Amino acid sequence: MVAVRVLVVDDQEPFRRAIAAVVSETDGFVVVGASSSGEESLHAVARLRPDLVLMDVRLPGIDGIEASWRITQAEKSPVVVLLSTLDAADLDLSGCGAAGYLAKAAFGPEQLVATWTAVRPGFRPGF
């Protein structure tokens, strides 16, 4: 099985490390890079070609919503999942191209697998 290649995007280093640790410990997923801004994420996606981008909503410069929209405009774009401490009801995520939203407080291996499986139904971790 080929692992799902993940780019982690968050402006707070402790959270980037925490998310990367969860991804690394989840069967079938591997971290290929990390970025701290929306602009960096655009360059990282072009360079690293991840399958999945875990993108914070609030970022300096281009925020996560705008970066998600830009990333998903490409023909062979990665799946983008937005992360935030904000409640999804408080965010306008319409039209941003993201495949989903996860609360940072609830993020874990189960949510990662469930989210990826929802957008890529044939995925089976560890196989």
Protein backbone atom coordinates (compact mmCIF):
# COMPACT_ATOMS: atom_id res chain seq x y z
CA MET A 1 0.00 0.00 0.00
CA VAL A 2 1.16 3.51 -0.77
CA ALA A 3 0.79 5.87 2.19
CA VAL A 4 -1.33 9.01 1.99
CA ARG A 5 1.11 11.92 1.73
CA VAL A 6 0.15 14.74 4.11
CA LEU A 7 1.15 18.41 4.29
CA VAL A 8 0.45 20.11 7.64
CA VAL A 9 -0.22 23.87 7.55
CA ASP A 10 -0.46 25.87 10.78
CA ASP A 11 1.21 29.04 12.02
CA GLN A 12 1.76 27.62 15.50
CA GLU A 13 4.74 25.27 15.69
CA PRO A 14 3.44 23.25 18.67
CA PHE A 15 0.26 22.46 16.76
CA ARG A 16 2.18 21.58 13.57
CA ARG A 17 4.25 19.13 15.62
CA ALA A 18 1.18 17.68 17.35
CA ILE A 19 -0.69 17.15 14.07
CA ALA A 20 2.42 15.69 12.44
CA ALA A 21 2.77 13.26 15.35
CA VAL A 22 -0.84 12.10 14.97
CA VAL A 23 -0.43 11.69 11.21
CA SER A 24 2.85 9.78 11.63
CA GLU A 25 1.29 7.41 14.16
CA THR A 26 -1.72 6.67 11.95
CA ASP A 27 -1.41 3.62 9.71
CA GLY A 28 -1.41 4.51 6.03
CA PHE A 29 -0.37 8.18 6.43
CA VAL A 30 2.99 9.95 6.22
CA VAL A 31 3.93 13.60 6.72
CA VAL A 32 5.78 14.98 3.70
CA GLY A 33 6.09 18.57 4.90
CA ALA A 34 4.84 21.43 7.03
CA SER A 35 4.16 25.10 6.35
CA SER A 36 3.38 28.06 8.59
CA SER A 37 1.43 30.31 6.20
CA GLY A 38 -0.99 30.22 3.33
CA GLU A 39 1.66 31.45 0.92
CA GLU A 40 4.12 28.75 2.03
CA SER A 41 1.43 26.11 1.61
CA LEU A 42 0.95 27.05 -2.05
CA HIS A 43 4.65 26.56 -2.74
CA ALA A 44 4.80 23.37 -0.66
CA VAL A 45 1.87 21.81 -2.53
CA ALA A 46 3.54 22.53 -5.87
CA ARG A 47 6.86 21.12 -4.67
CA LEU A 48 5.78 18.15 -2.52
CA ARG A 49 2.60 17.01 -4.31
CA PRO A 50 0.77 15.81 -1.16
CA ASP A 51 -2.45 13.81 -1.33
CA LEU A 52 -3.93 15.59 1.68
CA VAL A 53 -3.42 19.07 3.13
CA LEU A 54 -4.44 19.67 6.74
CA MET A 55 -4.93 23.44 6.73
CA ASP A 56 -5.50 25.79 9.66
CA VAL A 57 -8.21 28.37 8.93
CA ARG A 58 -6.46 31.31 10.58
CA LEU A 59 -3.06 31.94 9.02
CA PRO A 60 -1.00 35.07 8.51
CA GLY A 61 -1.20 36.60 5.03
CA ILE A 62 -3.38 34.38 2.88
CA ASP A 63 -5.71 32.63 5.33
CA GLY A 64 -6.50 28.94 5.14
CA ILE A 65 -9.79 29.46 3.37
CA GLU A 66 -8.19 31.44 0.51
CA ALA A 67 -5.22 29.07 0.34
CA SER A 68 -7.61 26.10 0.14
CA TRP A 69 -9.48 27.71 -2.73
CA ARG A 70 -6.24 28.40 -4.61
CA ILE A 71 -4.91 24.89 -4.04
CA THR A 72 -8.08 23.15 -5.15
CA GLN A 73 -8.28 25.08 -8.44
CA ALA A 74 -5.52 22.92 -9.95
CA GLU A 75 -6.59 19.96 -12.09
CA LYS A 76 -4.86 17.35 -9.91
CA SER A 77 -5.18 19.09 -6.57
CA PRO A 78 -4.78 17.42 -3.20
CA VAL A 79 -7.68 17.02 -0.81
CA VAL A 80 -7.79 19.93 1.64
CA VAL A 81 -9.28 19.56 5.11
CA LEU A 82 -9.60 22.68 7.22
CA LEU A 83 -8.77 22.69 10.92
CA SER A 84 -9.64 25.31 13.52
CA THR A 85 -10.40 26.01 17.14
CA LEU A 86 -13.46 27.91 15.90
CA ASP A 87 -16.84 26.23 15.58
CA ALA A 88 -17.65 25.30 11.99
CA ALA A 89 -20.95 27.20 12.29
CA ASP A 90 -18.95 30.41 12.85
CA LEU A 91 -17.03 30.01 9.57
CA ASP A 92 -18.08 30.60 5.99
CA LEU A 93 -16.49 27.64 4.24
CA SER A 94 -18.73 27.69 1.18
CA GLY A 95 -16.88 27.71 -2.08
CA CYS A 96 -13.40 27.32 -0.58
CA GLY A 97 -12.85 23.90 -2.13
CA ALA A 98 -12.09 22.13 1.13
CA ALA A 99 -13.40 18.59 1.41
CA GLY A 100 -14.11 18.89 5.10
CA TYR A 101 -13.61 20.54 8.45
CA LEU A 102 -12.22 19.14 11.70
CA ALA A 103 -12.08 20.81 15.08
CA LYS A 104 -8.50 20.92 16.36
CA ALA A 105 -9.62 19.74 19.80
CA ALA A 106 -11.14 16.58 18.33
CA PHE A 107 -8.36 15.74 15.86
CA GLY A 108 -6.95 12.26 16.21
CA PRO A 109 -6.19 9.12 14.19
CA GLU A 110 -9.85 8.08 14.01
CA GLN A 111 -10.94 11.45 12.64
CA LEU A 112 -8.07 11.47 10.15
CA VAL A 113 -8.97 8.02 8.80
CA ALA A 114 -12.71 8.74 8.79
CA THR A 115 -12.23 12.01 6.91
CA TRP A 116 -9.93 10.49 4.32
CA THR A 117 -12.22 7.49 3.88
CA ALA A 118 -15.18 9.84 3.30
CA VAL A 119 -13.40 11.47 0.36
CA ARG A 120 -11.55 8.36 -0.85
CA PRO A 121 -13.95 5.47 -0.09
CA GLY A 122 -11.57 2.69 -1.16
CA PHE A 123 -9.00 3.60 1.49
CA ARG A 124 -8.21 0.94 4.09
CA PRO A 125 -5.44 1.84 6.56
CA GLY A 126 -2.74 -0.76 6.93
CA PHE A 127 -3.57 -2.56 3.66
